């Protein structure tokens, strides 16, 4: 019987899931050692794990899957760091500090992760390096999303984002900080942790030998989008990362 891994994340987790011609196109063994199920929930945020109800019902979807799951993965945070952070600064006018924001997110995440960890073998994925570059691309994309593409509000938001948007290096530093804090949280809860930063960074392996990692252009789409390009390589990176974290590979 093929083992199942239930993955729940935001839209950036889409690449974990099977697509047409998945096995043959990716050159995977058949039958597979493990298969992926679950859901990529568009716009899902870590903020949805707070006690109050989430409009996306993220918690309910996960809780519904728990009785039939033995292994589970959470892949959230990208939406919060790339969009939620700027929504708070520009639309809500809050004075948001990067480190405090990361800590606030993980405070919201910890209780739910801890509860699920007692029911399944759980792994938590860190966020990716940002695809929001160059600067003008980032400004237009972020301002459009945080205002719901309302033309009047977008024109105001675009200037607001321009005033506060971080450079690619700074944005990635926030992502690396978040991942470091998330890794520590997972260790304290006895939960598996992984990310795909080293596999997708340009210039070498992220970490001590690579001071300022950035996302390699080969993983970026040419579309007006902040997701990875949907390629065979990207799908393999995601699929094999699951195998490694659960010891299938």
Protein backbone atom coordinates (compact mmCIF):
# COMPACT_ATOMS: atom_id res chain seq x y z
CA UNK A 1 0.00 0.00 0.00
CA UNK A 2 1.38 3.41 -1.01
CA UNK A 3 1.92 5.77 1.93
CA UNK A 4 0.04 9.06 1.87
CA UNK A 5 1.31 12.48 2.90
CA UNK A 6 -1.43 15.04 3.52
CA UNK A 7 -0.19 18.52 2.58
CA UNK A 8 -2.03 21.70 3.51
CA UNK A 9 -0.66 25.09 2.56
CA UNK A 10 -1.26 28.29 0.65
CA UNK A 11 -1.14 28.50 -3.14
CA UNK A 12 2.67 28.24 -3.08
CA UNK A 13 2.23 24.59 -2.05
CA UNK A 14 0.50 23.70 -5.35
CA UNK A 15 3.70 22.10 -6.63
CA UNK A 16 3.49 19.28 -4.09
CA UNK A 17 0.37 17.90 -5.73
CA UNK A 18 0.05 15.51 -8.67
CA UNK A 19 -0.82 16.98 -12.06
CA UNK A 20 -1.51 15.37 -15.45
CA UNK A 21 1.29 12.98 -16.46
CA UNK A 22 2.88 13.61 -13.05
CA UNK A 23 4.66 10.31 -12.51
CA UNK A 24 5.94 9.79 -16.05
CA UNK A 25 6.83 13.42 -16.72
CA UNK A 26 8.83 13.69 -13.49
CA UNK A 27 10.52 10.32 -14.03
CA UNK A 28 9.21 8.94 -10.73
CA UNK A 29 9.14 5.25 -9.93
CA UNK A 30 5.83 3.47 -10.30
CA UNK A 31 4.34 2.53 -7.96
CA UNK A 32 5.45 5.54 -5.97
CA UNK A 33 6.88 5.16 -2.49
CA UNK A 34 4.46 7.84 -1.32
CA UNK A 35 1.70 9.93 -2.79
CA UNK A 36 0.53 13.42 -1.93
CA UNK A 37 -2.99 14.45 -1.02
CA UNK A 38 -4.49 17.45 0.78
CA UNK A 39 -5.13 20.96 -0.54
CA UNK A 40 -3.40 24.14 -1.62
CA UNK A 41 -5.66 26.86 -0.23
CA UNK A 42 -5.39 30.10 -2.19
CA UNK A 43 -4.62 33.16 0.00
CA UNK A 44 -4.39 31.01 3.15
CA UNK A 45 -2.56 32.82 5.93
CA UNK A 46 -1.05 31.85 9.25
CA UNK A 47 -3.45 34.41 10.70
CA UNK A 48 -6.19 31.90 9.92
CA UNK A 49 -4.92 29.76 12.81
CA UNK A 50 -5.94 32.33 15.39
CA UNK A 51 -8.89 31.41 17.65
CA UNK A 52 -11.44 33.41 15.70
CA UNK A 53 -13.01 31.82 12.62
CA UNK A 54 -11.20 31.96 9.27
CA UNK A 55 -13.18 32.82 6.14
CA UNK A 56 -11.17 30.16 4.28
CA UNK A 57 -11.94 27.47 6.88
CA UNK A 58 -8.31 26.37 6.83
CA UNK A 59 -8.45 24.86 10.30
CA UNK A 60 -11.66 22.97 9.54
CA UNK A 61 -10.20 21.47 6.36
CA UNK A 62 -7.17 20.22 8.26
CA UNK A 63 -9.23 18.90 11.17
CA UNK A 64 -11.50 17.07 8.73
CA UNK A 65 -8.48 15.27 7.22
CA UNK A 66 -6.85 14.30 10.52
CA UNK A 67 -8.74 11.05 11.24
CA UNK A 68 -7.51 9.55 7.95
CA UNK A 69 -3.97 10.95 8.02
CA UNK A 70 -0.77 9.44 9.39
CA UNK A 71 1.66 12.02 7.95
CA UNK A 72 0.88 15.69 7.41
CA UNK A 73 2.68 18.80 6.19
CA UNK A 74 1.86 22.46 6.80
CA UNK A 75 3.21 24.99 4.29
CA UNK A 76 2.05 28.46 5.30
CA UNK A 77 3.66 31.87 5.76
CA UNK A 78 4.50 33.12 2.26
CA UNK A 79 1.24 35.05 2.01
CA UNK A 80 1.87 36.69 5.37
CA UNK A 81 5.44 37.80 4.68
CA UNK A 82 4.98 39.02 1.10
CA UNK A 83 1.46 40.47 1.29
CA UNK A 84 0.10 40.53 4.84
CA UNK A 85 3.10 42.48 6.09
CA UNK A 86 2.51 45.26 3.55
CA UNK A 87 -1.26 45.21 4.04
CA UNK A 88 -0.67 46.07 7.68
CA UNK A 89 1.83 48.81 6.87
CA UNK A 90 0.05 50.46 3.93
CA UNK A 91 -3.68 49.79 4.26
CA UNK A 92 -3.95 49.58 8.05
CA UNK A 93 -1.21 52.14 8.70
CA UNK A 94 0.51 50.04 11.36
CA UNK A 95 4.15 50.51 12.33
CA UNK A 96 5.18 46.90 11.75
CA UNK A 97 8.60 45.66 12.84
CA UNK A 98 9.97 42.66 10.91
CA UNK A 99 11.13 40.62 13.91
CA UNK A 100 8.03 41.38 15.94
CA UNK A 101 5.82 40.47 12.97
CA UNK A 102 7.55 37.10 12.56
CA UNK A 103 7.19 36.42 16.28
CA UNK A 104 3.51 37.40 16.14
CA UNK A 105 2.88 34.99 13.26
CA UNK A 106 4.56 32.11 15.06
CA UNK A 107 2.61 32.82 18.22
CA UNK A 108 -0.56 32.36 16.14
CA UNK A 109 0.87 29.19 14.54
CA UNK A 110 2.27 27.44 17.61
CA UNK A 111 -0.93 26.37 19.35
CA UNK A 112 -2.46 24.78 16.26
CA UNK A 113 0.79 23.06 15.24
CA UNK A 114 1.20 21.72 18.76
CA UNK A 115 -2.32 20.27 18.78
CA UNK A 116 -1.93 18.54 15.42
CA UNK A 117 1.53 17.19 16.30
CA UNK A 118 -0.03 14.93 18.90
CA UNK A 119 -2.26 13.27 16.30
CA UNK A 120 -0.04 12.72 13.23
CA UNK A 121 3.60 12.65 12.18
CA UNK A 122 3.81 16.35 11.29
CA UNK A 123 6.34 18.31 9.23
CA UNK A 124 6.27 22.07 8.76
CA UNK A 125 7.76 23.72 5.68
CA UNK A 126 9.49 27.07 5.86
CA UNK A 127 8.79 29.83 3.35
CA UNK A 128 10.54 30.22 0.00
CA UNK A 129 12.89 32.95 -1.10
CA UNK A 130 10.88 35.77 -2.64
CA UNK A 131 10.03 36.00 -6.33
CA UNK A 132 9.02 39.65 -5.85
CA UNK A 133 11.74 41.34 -7.88
CA UNK A 134 12.79 43.66 -9.36
CA UNK A 135 11.54 46.57 -7.24
CA UNK A 136 8.97 48.00 -9.65
CA UNK A 137 7.51 44.55 -10.24
CA UNK A 138 7.20 44.05 -6.48
CA UNK A 139 5.52 47.43 -6.00
CA UNK A 140 2.91 46.86 -8.70
CA UNK A 141 2.16 43.31 -7.65
CA UNK A 142 1.88 43.96 -3.91
CA UNK A 143 -0.21 47.12 -4.32
CA UNK A 144 -2.63 45.34 -6.66
CA UNK A 145 -3.17 42.42 -4.30
CA UNK A 146 -3.56 44.31 -1.03
CA UNK A 147 -6.26 46.59 -2.48
CA UNK A 148 -8.20 43.93 -4.38
CA UNK A 149 -7.28 45.61 -7.70
CA UNK A 150 -9.57 48.60 -7.13
CA UNK A 151 -8.07 51.21 -9.50
CA UNK A 152 -8.50 54.25 -7.25
CA UNK A 153 -7.28 52.53 -4.12
CA UNK A 154 -4.47 50.89 -6.06
CA UNK A 155 -3.05 54.24 -7.17
CA UNK A 156 -2.85 55.33 -3.54
CA UNK A 157 -1.55 51.97 -2.39
CA UNK A 158 1.15 51.90 -5.06
CA UNK A 159 2.73 55.04 -3.62
CA UNK A 160 2.34 53.67 -0.11
CA UNK A 161 4.06 50.42 -1.07
CA UNK A 162 6.78 52.33 -2.90
CA UNK A 163 7.56 54.17 0.33
CA UNK A 164 7.96 51.04 2.45
CA UNK A 165 8.72 48.06 0.20
CA UNK A 166 11.92 46.27 1.06
CA UNK A 167 14.63 45.50 -1.43
CA UNK A 168 14.86 41.87 -2.54
CA UNK A 169 17.78 41.23 -0.18
CA UNK A 170 15.91 42.68 2.80
CA UNK A 171 12.75 40.74 1.94
CA UNK A 172 14.75 37.53 1.80
CA UNK A 173 16.39 38.35 5.11
CA UNK A 174 12.89 38.47 6.64
CA UNK A 175 12.10 35.08 5.09
CA UNK A 176 15.34 33.56 6.43
CA UNK A 177 14.64 35.02 9.87
CA UNK A 178 11.13 33.61 9.85
CA UNK A 179 12.44 30.18 8.84
CA UNK A 180 15.03 30.25 11.59
CA UNK A 181 12.39 31.10 14.19
CA UNK A 182 10.04 28.49 12.73
CA UNK A 183 12.76 25.82 12.87
CA UNK A 184 13.32 26.59 16.55
CA UNK A 185 9.58 26.42 17.23
CA UNK A 186 9.34 23.03 15.50
CA UNK A 187 12.32 21.70 17.47
CA UNK A 188 10.70 22.76 20.73
CA UNK A 189 7.48 20.94 19.75
CA UNK A 190 9.18 17.80 18.43
CA UNK A 191 7.94 18.50 14.90
CA UNK A 192 9.85 17.92 11.66
CA UNK A 193 10.99 21.02 9.76
CA UNK A 194 12.20 21.53 6.18
CA UNK A 195 12.44 24.17 3.49
CA UNK A 196 13.64 24.38 -0.12
CA UNK A 197 15.77 27.51 0.18
CA UNK A 198 19.08 25.82 -0.63
CA UNK A 199 17.62 23.99 -3.63
CA UNK A 200 16.23 27.15 -5.23
CA UNK A 201 18.85 29.78 -4.32
CA UNK A 202 21.30 31.14 -6.84
CA UNK A 203 25.03 31.28 -6.20
CA UNK A 204 25.32 28.17 -4.07
CA UNK A 205 23.74 26.60 -1.03
CA UNK A 206 22.03 29.01 1.34
CA UNK A 207 23.54 29.18 4.80
CA UNK A 208 27.00 29.88 6.16
CA UNK A 209 28.61 29.74 2.72
CA UNK A 210 26.03 31.98 1.12
CA UNK A 211 25.47 35.22 2.99
CA UNK A 212 22.70 36.73 0.90
CA UNK A 213 20.65 34.07 -0.90
CA UNK A 214 18.21 35.07 -3.63
CA UNK A 215 15.84 33.03 -5.73
CA UNK A 216 17.40 31.82 -8.96
CA UNK A 217 15.78 33.24 -12.08
CA UNK A 218 15.19 29.72 -13.41
CA UNK A 219 12.44 29.27 -10.81
CA UNK A 220 10.66 32.55 -11.60
CA UNK A 221 7.76 32.81 -14.00
CA UNK A 222 7.69 35.45 -16.73
CA UNK A 223 4.05 36.13 -15.81
CA UNK A 224 2.83 38.89 -13.50
CA UNK A 225 2.92 36.55 -10.52
CA UNK A 226 4.92 35.81 -7.37
CA UNK A 227 4.70 32.02 -7.50
CA UNK A 228 7.35 29.68 -8.82
CA UNK A 229 7.25 28.72 -12.48
CA UNK A 230 5.48 25.37 -12.81
CA UNK A 231 8.29 23.25 -14.22
CA UNK A 232 9.42 19.64 -13.93
CA UNK A 233 12.34 20.77 -11.76
CA UNK A 234 10.12 22.71 -9.37
CA UNK A 235 7.76 19.74 -9.01
CA UNK A 236 10.70 17.41 -8.34
CA UNK A 237 12.15 19.71 -5.70
CA UNK A 238 8.85 19.71 -3.82
CA UNK A 239 8.15 15.99 -4.18
CA UNK A 240 11.63 14.88 -3.13
CA UNK A 241 11.67 17.30 -0.19
CA UNK A 242 8.69 15.41 1.23
CA UNK A 243 10.48 12.11 0.74
CA UNK A 244 13.54 13.33 2.58
CA UNK A 245 11.78 14.86 5.56
CA UNK A 246 9.78 11.67 6.22
CA UNK A 247 12.68 9.32 5.49
CA UNK A 248 11.35 7.75 2.30
CA UNK A 249 14.51 8.78 0.40
